[in-house]
């Protein structure tokens, strides 16, 4: 009898313990799914709830499309990689080994968000039907966007720096099969872009009679004058009127779309213009290896094509230097994830619909 009473008491106590465990996070049981750990970076854990908040706080254009667990894991891996890159970037920036000018970040952000470009030219928001308060909000949104672009660019600069170091030190070797695998993976996007070289007379719109001057240049060229002679004449007035250079037909550079509407397929000797070209930035690497930005103002221009190169697929030999950074990038990121003791618990990732419910 006493044994039966003891058994009933023990069973009751166990039931109470189970109920208590189910009501909180004690006894090793997690009732709140938001607190389930899905990843670890060093001593810091990321829970389902953390990641749901991270996704929710992302700007709409930057939030990844998540339909499957594979999408969810990829988004989590990308977030972890971004945090690691930023940590490394801040260290290298403090040591003056890398830098990203804010103007470069502004150029990238406005290229991706062209609707905001007009804000730089508005002095009276009321004229375009925007209240002063809304105008300030829009400007703040742009500045926050530029901050995000700077962080992203800093992270990429950091990994690029480490890749260069490994190349110089020979600490990472690339196998032929890795190169072939990467080439096959990216074959469709590996192209020699359509490109032209030209001599142009360009007159900034701030110059009085800019369109008229571009039209006069066209008249003289049509009459048989040599563009080099015409360029020498205008260079004596201002060197800014003469541009000898070239462009690649990069679809992401929307400011040059009007240029390529006229220049695409143009053969050497073709005269083009007058045409209007929007303000745009030329980004290039300076002698010290740092990124520089040269801004060209909006202008009317007349030009003559000097050389033309059609778009063509790249061979593996042509693409090798382009592919190496991708392979090395992956190797460097893998090394950094090991150093940071990164773990992702695939079996703890929720059904994607749970994430969107949590948002």
Protein backbone atom coordinates (compact mmCIF):
# COMPACT_ATOMS: atom_id res chain seq x y z
CA UNK A 1 0.00 0.00 0.00
CA UNK A 2 2.76 2.37 0.97
CA UNK A 3 4.51 1.56 -2.35
CA UNK A 4 1.35 2.37 -4.27
CA UNK A 5 1.01 5.74 -2.47
CA UNK A 6 4.68 6.55 -3.19
CA UNK A 7 4.17 5.68 -6.85
CA UNK A 8 1.09 7.95 -7.11
CA UNK A 9 2.99 10.82 -5.42
CA UNK A 10 5.98 10.38 -7.73
CA UNK A 11 3.74 10.32 -10.80
CA UNK A 12 1.99 13.52 -9.67
CA UNK A 13 5.29 15.27 -9.10
CA UNK A 14 6.50 14.26 -12.57
CA UNK A 15 3.30 15.62 -14.11
CA UNK A 16 3.83 18.96 -12.36
CA UNK A 17 7.46 19.11 -13.57
CA UNK A 18 6.42 18.39 -17.14
CA UNK A 19 3.77 21.12 -16.96
CA UNK A 20 6.27 23.62 -15.58
CA UNK A 21 8.83 22.72 -18.24
CA UNK A 22 6.27 23.20 -20.95
CA UNK A 23 5.35 26.62 -19.58
CA UNK A 24 8.89 28.00 -19.64
CA UNK A 25 12.36 27.28 -20.93
CA UNK A 26 13.46 25.23 -17.90
CA UNK A 27 14.23 21.52 -17.92
CA UNK A 28 15.86 21.79 -21.33
CA UNK A 29 12.50 22.17 -23.12
CA UNK A 30 11.85 25.22 -25.27
CA UNK A 31 8.19 26.11 -25.57
CA UNK A 32 8.77 29.48 -27.30
CA UNK A 33 9.80 28.71 -30.90
CA UNK A 34 11.23 32.22 -31.25
CA UNK A 35 13.99 31.21 -28.82
CA UNK A 36 15.16 28.17 -30.74
CA UNK A 37 18.80 28.71 -31.76
CA UNK A 38 19.42 28.45 -35.49
CA UNK A 39 23.04 29.63 -35.68
CA UNK A 40 26.07 30.69 -33.69
CA UNK A 41 28.86 33.21 -34.38
CA UNK A 42 31.51 32.71 -31.73
CA UNK A 43 29.71 33.14 -28.39
CA UNK A 44 26.68 34.85 -29.92
CA UNK A 45 23.61 32.84 -30.86
CA UNK A 46 20.96 33.73 -33.43
CA UNK A 47 17.45 32.51 -32.64
CA UNK A 48 14.45 32.10 -34.89
CA UNK A 49 13.03 35.27 -33.38
CA UNK A 50 16.28 37.16 -33.98
CA UNK A 51 16.34 36.19 -37.62
CA UNK A 52 12.67 37.02 -38.12
CA UNK A 53 13.39 40.52 -36.76
CA UNK A 54 16.46 40.84 -39.01
CA UNK A 55 14.35 40.03 -42.07
CA UNK A 56 11.55 42.33 -40.96
CA UNK A 57 13.93 45.28 -40.48
CA UNK A 58 15.50 44.91 -43.94
CA UNK A 59 14.44 47.54 -46.53
CA UNK A 60 11.86 46.00 -48.89
CA UNK A 61 14.17 45.93 -51.97
CA UNK A 62 16.91 44.16 -49.98
CA UNK A 63 14.74 41.53 -48.29
CA UNK A 64 15.38 38.11 -49.90
CA UNK A 65 12.61 36.02 -51.41
CA UNK A 66 12.13 33.01 -49.14
CA UNK A 67 9.94 30.12 -50.27
CA UNK A 68 11.88 27.06 -49.18
CA UNK A 69 14.16 26.02 -46.35
CA UNK A 70 17.03 26.28 -48.80
CA UNK A 71 16.16 29.96 -49.38
CA UNK A 72 16.00 30.46 -45.63
CA UNK A 73 19.42 28.88 -45.03
CA UNK A 74 20.94 30.92 -47.86
CA UNK A 75 19.52 34.13 -46.38
CA UNK A 76 20.87 33.20 -42.94
CA UNK A 77 24.31 32.36 -44.36
CA UNK A 78 24.37 35.67 -46.25
CA UNK A 79 23.49 37.58 -43.09
CA UNK A 80 26.24 35.81 -41.13
CA UNK A 81 28.75 36.48 -43.91
CA UNK A 82 27.80 40.17 -43.96
CA UNK A 83 28.41 40.46 -40.21
CA UNK A 84 31.79 38.75 -40.50
CA UNK A 85 32.83 40.94 -43.46
CA UNK A 86 31.84 44.09 -41.60
CA UNK A 87 33.83 43.10 -38.49
CA UNK A 88 36.92 42.48 -40.63
CA UNK A 89 36.31 45.70 -42.58
CA UNK A 90 36.24 47.86 -39.46
CA UNK A 91 39.54 46.33 -38.33
CA UNK A 92 41.21 46.96 -41.71
CA UNK A 93 39.72 50.46 -41.93
CA UNK A 94 41.12 51.31 -38.48
CA UNK A 95 44.53 50.19 -39.76
CA UNK A 96 44.12 52.44 -42.86
CA UNK A 97 44.34 49.42 -45.14
CA UNK A 98 40.97 49.98 -46.84
CA UNK A 99 38.54 52.86 -47.30
CA UNK A 100 35.36 53.65 -49.20
CA UNK A 101 34.63 57.32 -49.98
CA UNK A 102 31.07 58.31 -49.11
CA UNK A 103 30.73 59.79 -52.60
CA UNK A 104 31.37 56.34 -54.07
CA UNK A 105 28.66 54.86 -51.83
CA UNK A 106 26.31 57.70 -52.84
CA UNK A 107 26.95 56.96 -56.52
CA UNK A 108 26.17 53.26 -56.03
CA UNK A 109 23.02 53.94 -53.99
CA UNK A 110 21.60 56.50 -56.43
CA UNK A 111 22.39 54.20 -59.34
CA UNK A 112 20.26 51.54 -57.66
CA UNK A 113 17.57 54.06 -56.62
CA UNK A 114 17.37 56.55 -59.51
CA UNK A 115 14.09 58.04 -58.23
CA UNK A 116 16.04 59.75 -55.45
CA UNK A 117 18.48 61.50 -57.81
CA UNK A 118 16.18 64.50 -58.16
CA UNK A 119 16.45 65.30 -54.45
CA UNK A 120 19.95 66.67 -54.96
CA UNK A 121 18.59 69.34 -57.32
CA UNK A 122 15.53 70.45 -55.32
CA UNK A 123 15.93 73.71 -53.39
CA UNK A 124 12.23 74.40 -52.82
CA UNK A 125 10.28 71.17 -52.15
CA UNK A 126 6.97 73.04 -52.37
CA UNK A 127 7.51 73.59 -56.09
CA UNK A 128 7.29 69.84 -56.71
CA UNK A 129 4.43 69.33 -54.26
CA UNK A 130 6.45 67.96 -51.31
CA UNK A 131 6.13 69.36 -47.80
CA UNK A 132 9.29 70.41 -46.00
CA UNK A 133 8.75 67.63 -43.43
CA UNK A 134 8.31 64.93 -46.10
CA UNK A 135 11.33 66.28 -47.96
CA UNK A 136 13.46 65.92 -44.81
CA UNK A 137 12.21 62.35 -44.36
CA UNK A 138 13.17 61.50 -47.96
CA UNK A 139 16.64 63.01 -47.51
CA UNK A 140 17.11 61.04 -44.30
CA UNK A 141 16.06 57.84 -46.10
CA UNK A 142 18.69 58.52 -48.77
CA UNK A 143 21.40 59.10 -46.16
CA UNK A 144 20.49 55.87 -44.36
CA UNK A 145 20.58 54.07 -47.70
CA UNK A 146 24.04 55.48 -48.38
CA UNK A 147 25.13 54.27 -44.92
CA UNK A 148 23.99 50.75 -45.85
CA UNK A 149 25.75 50.96 -49.21
CA UNK A 150 28.96 52.06 -47.46
CA UNK A 151 28.81 49.09 -45.08
CA UNK A 152 28.26 46.69 -47.94
CA UNK A 153 31.09 48.21 -49.97
CA UNK A 154 33.42 48.21 -46.96
CA UNK A 155 32.73 44.51 -46.42
CA UNK A 156 33.51 43.73 -50.04
CA UNK A 157 36.67 45.87 -49.92
CA UNK A 158 37.79 43.91 -46.85
CA UNK A 159 37.40 40.54 -48.53
CA UNK A 160 39.05 41.91 -51.67
CA UNK A 161 42.00 43.03 -49.58
CA UNK A 162 42.35 39.58 -47.99
CA UNK A 163 42.07 37.91 -51.40
CA UNK A 164 44.94 40.08 -52.69
CA UNK A 165 47.01 39.20 -49.63
CA UNK A 166 46.48 35.49 -50.18
CA UNK A 167 47.37 35.84 -53.85
CA UNK A 168 50.59 37.68 -52.99
CA UNK A 169 51.52 35.26 -50.22
CA UNK A 170 50.52 32.17 -52.20
CA UNK A 171 48.63 30.82 -49.19
CA UNK A 172 45.65 29.70 -51.30
CA UNK A 173 46.09 27.71 -54.51
CA UNK A 174 43.43 27.27 -57.18
CA UNK A 175 42.94 23.88 -58.82
CA UNK A 176 42.03 23.60 -62.50
CA UNK A 177 38.80 21.77 -61.68
CA UNK A 178 37.71 24.65 -59.43
CA UNK A 179 38.21 27.08 -62.30
CA UNK A 180 36.23 24.91 -64.72
CA UNK A 181 33.43 24.41 -62.18
CA UNK A 182 33.14 28.17 -61.54
CA UNK A 183 33.22 28.91 -65.28
CA UNK A 184 30.38 26.47 -65.98
CA UNK A 185 28.40 27.97 -63.11
CA UNK A 186 28.77 31.54 -64.43
CA UNK A 187 29.11 30.92 -68.16
CA UNK A 188 25.90 32.78 -69.11
CA UNK A 189 26.94 35.96 -67.28
CA UNK A 190 30.56 36.01 -68.47
CA UNK A 191 30.51 38.37 -71.42
CA UNK A 192 32.74 40.90 -73.07
CA UNK A 193 30.40 43.89 -72.99
CA UNK A 194 29.73 45.91 -76.10
CA UNK A 195 32.12 48.86 -76.01
CA UNK A 196 33.07 51.95 -77.98
CA UNK A 197 35.94 54.40 -77.94
CA UNK A 198 35.32 57.91 -79.22
CA UNK A 199 36.37 61.53 -79.44
CA UNK A 200 33.62 63.80 -78.14
CA UNK A 201 32.85 67.46 -77.77
CA UNK A 202 30.65 67.74 -74.69
CA UNK A 203 29.16 70.95 -73.39
CA UNK A 204 27.76 70.95 -69.82
CA UNK A 205 24.17 72.17 -69.60
CA UNK A 206 25.40 74.92 -67.27
CA UNK A 207 27.24 76.37 -70.28
CA UNK A 208 25.21 79.04 -72.10
CA UNK A 209 24.21 77.76 -75.52
CA UNK A 210 25.40 74.18 -74.83
CA UNK A 211 22.90 72.55 -77.20
CA UNK A 212 23.64 75.11 -79.91
CA UNK A 213 27.41 74.46 -79.64
CA UNK A 214 26.92 70.69 -79.92
CA UNK A 215 24.76 71.25 -83.02
CA UNK A 216 27.44 73.50 -84.52
CA UNK A 217 30.07 70.79 -84.03
CA UNK A 218 27.79 68.32 -85.83
CA UNK A 219 27.34 70.76 -88.72
CA UNK A 220 31.11 71.16 -89.10
CA UNK A 221 31.76 67.40 -88.99
CA UNK A 222 29.04 66.77 -91.56
CA UNK A 223 30.75 69.39 -93.73
CA UNK A 224 33.93 67.29 -93.68
CA UNK A 225 36.06 68.84 -90.94
CA UNK A 226 38.27 66.48 -88.92
CA UNK A 227 37.03 66.01 -85.35
CA UNK A 228 40.58 66.21 -83.99
CA UNK A 229 40.99 69.66 -85.48
CA UNK A 230 37.63 70.77 -84.09
CA UNK A 231 38.56 69.32 -80.68
CA UNK A 232 41.85 71.26 -80.62
CA UNK A 233 39.96 74.48 -81.26
CA UNK A 234 37.47 73.90 -78.44
CA UNK A 235 40.20 72.69 -76.06
CA UNK A 236 41.71 76.17 -76.22
CA UNK A 237 38.45 77.50 -74.78
CA UNK A 238 38.14 74.76 -72.12
CA UNK A 239 39.70 71.32 -71.71
CA UNK A 240 36.38 70.19 -70.22
CA UNK A 241 34.78 70.47 -73.66
CA UNK A 242 36.88 67.56 -75.00
CA UNK A 243 36.48 63.95 -73.94
CA UNK A 244 38.54 61.14 -75.44
CA UNK A 245 37.55 57.87 -73.88
CA UNK A 246 35.16 54.99 -74.04
CA UNK A 247 32.16 53.33 -72.44
CA UNK A 248 31.04 49.76 -71.99
CA UNK A 249 27.36 49.01 -72.46
CA UNK A 250 26.67 48.09 -68.84
CA UNK A 251 22.87 47.84 -68.39
CA UNK A 252 23.17 48.89 -64.73
CA UNK A 253 24.46 52.36 -65.70
CA UNK A 254 21.07 53.85 -66.49
CA UNK A 255 22.51 57.35 -66.99
CA UNK A 256 24.10 56.18 -70.24
CA UNK A 257 21.03 54.52 -71.73
CA UNK A 258 20.35 57.48 -74.02
CA UNK A 259 23.97 57.30 -75.17
CA UNK A 260 23.68 53.62 -76.06
CA UNK A 261 20.36 54.12 -77.85
CA UNK A 262 22.42 56.05 -80.42
CA UNK A 263 25.84 54.37 -80.07
CA UNK A 264 24.96 50.66 -79.91
CA UNK A 265 26.30 48.96 -83.03
CA UNK A 266 27.92 52.15 -84.34
CA UNK A 267 31.00 51.44 -86.45
CA UNK A 268 34.26 53.47 -86.50
CA UNK A 269 33.82 56.80 -88.24
CA UNK A 270 30.15 57.14 -87.29
CA UNK A 271 29.19 60.63 -86.12
CA UNK A 272 26.59 60.78 -83.34
CA UNK A 273 24.80 63.74 -81.84
CA UNK A 274 23.94 66.15 -80.63
CA UNK A 275 22.59 64.02 -77.80
CA UNK A 276 21.89 64.67 -74.15
CA UNK A 277 23.76 62.58 -71.56
CA UNK A 278 22.75 62.69 -67.91
CA UNK A 279 25.17 63.42 -65.09
CA UNK A 280 27.08 60.26 -64.22
CA UNK A 281 30.03 59.05 -62.21
CA UNK A 282 33.06 57.24 -63.52
CA UNK A 283 34.54 55.00 -60.83
CA UNK A 284 38.10 53.85 -61.26
CA UNK A 285 41.07 52.65 -59.23
CA UNK A 286 43.75 55.25 -58.53
CA UNK A 287 47.54 54.70 -58.54
CA UNK A 288 47.45 53.79 -54.84
CA UNK A 289 44.79 51.13 -55.40
CA UNK A 290 42.00 53.13 -53.79
CA UNK A 291 38.63 53.68 -55.41
CA UNK A 292 38.16 57.14 -56.94
CA UNK A 293 35.10 58.82 -58.42
CA UNK A 294 35.07 61.35 -61.24
CA UNK A 295 31.73 63.07 -61.79
CA UNK A 296 30.80 64.19 -65.30
CA UNK A 297 28.01 66.80 -65.39
CA UNK A 298 24.94 66.48 -67.60
CA UNK A 299 25.85 67.70 -71.08
CA UNK A 300 25.02 67.90 -74.76
CA UNK A 301 27.62 66.11 -76.84
CA UNK A 302 28.59 65.31 -80.40
CA UNK A 303 31.09 62.53 -80.99
CA UNK A 304 32.78 60.32 -83.53
CA UNK A 305 33.29 56.60 -82.94
CA UNK A 306 36.97 55.59 -83.08
CA UNK A 307 36.63 51.89 -82.25
CA UNK A 308 33.77 49.43 -81.71
CA UNK A 309 33.63 46.05 -79.95
CA UNK A 310 30.44 43.93 -80.06
CA UNK A 311 29.28 41.86 -77.10
CA UNK A 312 30.68 38.32 -77.05
CA UNK A 313 30.86 35.36 -74.63
CA UNK A 314 34.09 35.03 -72.69
CA UNK A 315 36.25 31.95 -73.06
CA UNK A 316 37.52 30.32 -69.89
CA UNK A 317 40.94 31.88 -70.60
CA UNK A 318 39.39 35.36 -70.91
CA UNK A 319 37.31 34.82 -67.79
CA UNK A 320 40.09 33.39 -65.61
CA UNK A 321 41.02 36.66 -63.89
CA UNK A 322 37.34 37.37 -63.34
CA UNK A 323 36.71 33.91 -61.92
CA UNK A 324 39.69 33.76 -59.57
CA UNK A 325 38.28 36.34 -57.14
CA UNK A 326 35.02 34.34 -56.85
CA UNK A 327 36.93 31.16 -56.03
CA UNK A 328 39.28 32.93 -53.63
CA UNK A 329 36.35 34.85 -52.15
CA UNK A 330 34.67 31.58 -51.24
CA UNK A 331 37.89 30.21 -49.78
CA UNK A 332 38.48 33.34 -47.68
CA UNK A 333 34.89 33.37 -46.40
CA UNK A 334 35.14 29.69 -45.48
CA UNK A 335 38.35 30.41 -43.57
CA UNK A 336 36.78 33.39 -41.75
CA UNK A 337 33.72 31.36 -40.79
CA UNK A 338 36.00 28.73 -39.26
CA UNK A 339 37.97 31.38 -37.37
CA UNK A 340 34.73 32.90 -36.04
CA UNK A 341 33.42 29.47 -35.02
CA UNK A 342 30.27 29.77 -37.13
CA UNK A 343 27.67 27.05 -36.83
CA UNK A 344 24.30 26.84 -38.60
CA UNK A 345 21.78 24.37 -37.22
CA UNK A 346 19.91 23.31 -40.35
CA UNK A 347 17.58 21.00 -38.42
CA UNK A 348 16.42 23.91 -36.25
CA UNK A 349 15.40 26.13 -39.16
CA UNK A 350 11.62 26.57 -39.25
CA UNK A 351 9.21 26.12 -42.11
CA UNK A 352 9.52 29.35 -44.14
CA UNK A 353 5.87 30.20 -43.48
CA UNK A 354 6.73 30.48 -39.77
CA UNK A 355 9.22 33.24 -40.52
CA UNK A 356 6.62 35.27 -42.39
CA UNK A 357 4.09 34.72 -39.59
CA UNK A 358 6.71 36.03 -37.17
CA UNK A 359 7.12 39.14 -39.31
